[in-house]
């Protein structure tokens, strides 16, 4: 079960990255976002631009992984 904070981050990331997020893991290094394998390129964006923009808004490092 996700806490309210995790659900809020998941919702924000889904809107910013424009993909369906399967799950989110938070650790000391940042946030690991799991998306469907065929949507990884969309989530990362051209040259990593989508992820970088989301990192600036959230204030933490974001890693995108396909699942």
N, C-alpha and C. Protein backbone atom coordinates (compact mmCIF):
# COMPACT_ATOMS: atom_id res chain seq x y z
N UNK A 1 0.85 -1.19 0.00
CA UNK A 1 0.00 0.00 0.00
C UNK A 1 0.88 1.24 0.00
N UNK A 2 0.56 2.18 -0.88
CA UNK A 2 1.34 3.41 -0.98
C UNK A 2 0.85 4.44 0.02
N UNK A 3 1.79 5.20 0.56
CA UNK A 3 1.41 6.30 1.43
C UNK A 3 0.91 7.45 0.57
N UNK A 4 0.31 8.45 1.21
CA UNK A 4 -0.21 9.60 0.45
C UNK A 4 0.90 10.31 -0.30
N UNK A 5 2.08 10.41 0.30
CA UNK A 5 3.21 11.07 -0.36
C UNK A 5 3.65 10.33 -1.60
N UNK A 6 3.72 9.00 -1.53
CA UNK A 6 4.13 8.20 -2.68
C UNK A 6 3.08 8.27 -3.78
N UNK A 7 1.81 8.25 -3.41
CA UNK A 7 0.74 8.35 -4.40
C UNK A 7 0.79 9.71 -5.08
N UNK A 8 1.09 10.76 -4.33
CA UNK A 8 1.19 12.10 -4.88
C UNK A 8 2.36 12.19 -5.87
N UNK A 9 3.50 11.63 -5.51
CA UNK A 9 4.66 11.63 -6.40
C UNK A 9 4.36 10.83 -7.65
N UNK A 10 3.72 9.68 -7.50
CA UNK A 10 3.37 8.85 -8.66
C UNK A 10 2.46 9.61 -9.61
N UNK A 11 1.46 10.29 -9.08
CA UNK A 11 0.54 11.06 -9.91
C UNK A 11 1.25 12.20 -10.64
N UNK A 12 2.11 12.91 -9.92
CA UNK A 12 2.87 14.00 -10.54
C UNK A 12 3.75 13.48 -11.66
N UNK A 13 4.44 12.38 -11.39
CA UNK A 13 5.34 11.82 -12.40
C UNK A 13 4.58 11.32 -13.61
N UNK A 14 3.42 10.71 -13.41
CA UNK A 14 2.62 10.23 -14.56
C UNK A 14 2.22 11.40 -15.45
N UNK A 15 1.86 12.53 -14.85
CA UNK A 15 1.49 13.70 -15.65
C UNK A 15 2.72 14.30 -16.33
N UNK A 16 3.82 14.42 -15.64
CA UNK A 16 5.02 15.05 -16.21
C UNK A 16 5.67 14.20 -17.28
N UNK A 17 5.75 12.88 -17.05
CA UNK A 17 6.44 12.00 -18.00
C UNK A 17 5.50 11.47 -19.08
N UNK A 18 4.19 11.65 -18.88
CA UNK A 18 3.18 11.25 -19.86
C UNK A 18 3.21 9.75 -20.17
N UNK A 19 3.39 8.94 -19.13
CA UNK A 19 3.37 7.48 -19.26
C UNK A 19 2.64 6.88 -18.06
N UNK A 20 2.26 5.60 -18.19
CA UNK A 20 1.66 4.88 -17.07
C UNK A 20 2.79 4.36 -16.19
N UNK A 21 2.73 4.66 -14.91
CA UNK A 21 3.77 4.21 -13.98
C UNK A 21 3.25 2.99 -13.24
N UNK A 22 4.05 1.92 -13.29
CA UNK A 22 3.66 0.67 -12.64
C UNK A 22 3.92 0.71 -11.15
N UNK A 23 5.09 1.23 -10.77
CA UNK A 23 5.40 1.38 -9.35
C UNK A 23 6.54 2.36 -9.17
N UNK A 24 6.65 2.87 -7.95
CA UNK A 24 7.68 3.85 -7.60
C UNK A 24 8.38 3.36 -6.35
N UNK A 25 9.71 3.38 -6.37
CA UNK A 25 10.50 3.04 -5.19
C UNK A 25 11.35 4.25 -4.82
N UNK A 26 11.33 4.59 -3.55
CA UNK A 26 12.16 5.69 -3.07
C UNK A 26 13.32 5.11 -2.27
N UNK A 27 14.52 5.63 -2.52
CA UNK A 27 15.69 5.23 -1.75
C UNK A 27 16.54 6.47 -1.46
N UNK A 28 17.66 6.28 -0.81
CA UNK A 28 18.49 7.43 -0.41
C UNK A 28 19.09 8.18 -1.60
N UNK A 29 19.22 7.51 -2.75
CA UNK A 29 19.80 8.15 -3.94
C UNK A 29 18.76 8.91 -4.75
N UNK A 30 17.49 8.61 -4.59
CA UNK A 30 16.45 9.27 -5.36
C UNK A 30 15.23 8.40 -5.51
N UNK A 31 14.63 8.46 -6.69
CA UNK A 31 13.39 7.74 -6.96
C UNK A 31 13.61 6.84 -8.18
N UNK A 32 13.16 5.58 -8.07
CA UNK A 32 13.20 4.66 -9.20
C UNK A 32 11.76 4.48 -9.67
N UNK A 33 11.53 4.79 -10.95
CA UNK A 33 10.20 4.72 -11.54
C UNK A 33 10.16 3.57 -12.52
N UNK A 34 9.22 2.66 -12.35
CA UNK A 34 9.06 1.52 -13.25
C UNK A 34 7.89 1.79 -14.19
N UNK A 35 8.17 1.74 -15.50
CA UNK A 35 7.16 1.98 -16.52
C UNK A 35 7.14 0.78 -17.46
N UNK A 36 6.08 0.61 -18.26
CA UNK A 36 6.09 -0.48 -19.24
C UNK A 36 7.28 -0.36 -20.18
N UNK A 37 7.86 -1.48 -20.55
CA UNK A 37 9.09 -1.52 -21.36
C UNK A 37 8.98 -0.66 -22.62
N UNK A 38 7.83 -0.68 -23.27
CA UNK A 38 7.68 0.07 -24.52
C UNK A 38 7.48 1.57 -24.32
N UNK A 39 7.41 2.04 -23.06
CA UNK A 39 7.22 3.46 -22.79
C UNK A 39 8.43 4.13 -22.15
N UNK A 40 9.54 3.40 -22.04
CA UNK A 40 10.73 3.96 -21.41
C UNK A 40 11.23 5.17 -22.20
N UNK A 41 11.27 5.06 -23.53
CA UNK A 41 11.76 6.17 -24.35
C UNK A 41 10.91 7.41 -24.18
N UNK A 42 9.61 7.24 -24.07
CA UNK A 42 8.71 8.38 -23.87
C UNK A 42 8.99 9.03 -22.51
N UNK A 43 9.15 8.20 -21.48
CA UNK A 43 9.38 8.72 -20.13
C UNK A 43 10.69 9.47 -20.01
N UNK A 44 11.72 8.99 -20.69
CA UNK A 44 13.03 9.64 -20.61
C UNK A 44 13.04 10.93 -21.43
N UNK A 45 12.41 10.90 -22.59
CA UNK A 45 12.37 12.08 -23.45
C UNK A 45 13.61 12.21 -24.29
N UNK A 46 13.59 13.13 -25.19
CA UNK A 46 14.71 13.36 -26.10
C UNK A 46 15.92 13.85 -25.32
N UNK A 47 16.98 13.06 -25.35
CA UNK A 47 18.20 13.42 -24.62
C UNK A 47 18.03 13.48 -23.11
N UNK A 48 16.98 12.86 -22.60
CA UNK A 48 16.75 12.85 -21.15
C UNK A 48 16.02 14.08 -20.65
N UNK A 49 15.46 14.86 -21.57
CA UNK A 49 14.84 16.13 -21.19
C UNK A 49 13.63 15.98 -20.27
N UNK A 50 12.79 14.97 -20.50
CA UNK A 50 11.59 14.79 -19.67
C UNK A 50 11.97 14.43 -18.24
N UNK A 51 12.94 13.54 -18.09
CA UNK A 51 13.37 13.13 -16.75
C UNK A 51 14.05 14.30 -16.03
N UNK A 52 14.88 15.04 -16.73
CA UNK A 52 15.56 16.18 -16.11
C UNK A 52 14.57 17.22 -15.62
N UNK A 53 13.53 17.49 -16.43
CA UNK A 53 12.52 18.46 -16.03
C UNK A 53 11.77 17.98 -14.78
N UNK A 54 11.43 16.69 -14.76
CA UNK A 54 10.74 16.13 -13.59
C UNK A 54 11.64 16.18 -12.36
N UNK A 55 12.93 15.93 -12.53
CA UNK A 55 13.87 16.01 -11.40
C UNK A 55 13.90 17.41 -10.81
N UNK A 56 13.86 18.42 -11.67
CA UNK A 56 13.88 19.80 -11.18
C UNK A 56 12.62 20.13 -10.39
N UNK A 57 11.49 19.64 -10.83
CA UNK A 57 10.22 19.91 -10.14
C UNK A 57 10.16 19.17 -8.81
N UNK A 58 10.55 17.88 -8.82
CA UNK A 58 10.46 17.06 -7.61
C UNK A 58 11.63 17.31 -6.66
N UNK A 59 12.77 17.67 -7.22
CA UNK A 59 13.93 17.97 -6.39
C UNK A 59 14.75 16.76 -6.00
N UNK A 60 14.58 15.66 -6.73
CA UNK A 60 15.33 14.43 -6.45
C UNK A 60 15.73 13.78 -7.75
N UNK A 61 16.79 12.96 -7.70
CA UNK A 61 17.24 12.21 -8.88
C UNK A 61 16.18 11.16 -9.21
N UNK A 62 15.88 11.00 -10.52
CA UNK A 62 14.88 10.02 -10.96
C UNK A 62 15.54 9.07 -11.94
N UNK A 63 15.34 7.78 -11.71
CA UNK A 63 15.82 6.73 -12.61
C UNK A 63 14.60 6.01 -13.17
N UNK A 64 14.57 5.85 -14.49
CA UNK A 64 13.44 5.18 -15.15
C UNK A 64 13.88 3.79 -15.58
N UNK A 65 13.09 2.79 -15.23
CA UNK A 65 13.37 1.40 -15.61
C UNK A 65 12.14 0.79 -16.24
N UNK A 66 12.38 -0.06 -17.24
CA UNK A 66 11.29 -0.76 -17.89
C UNK A 66 10.98 -2.06 -17.18
N UNK A 67 9.72 -2.44 -17.24
CA UNK A 67 9.30 -3.66 -16.56
C UNK A 67 8.36 -4.45 -17.43
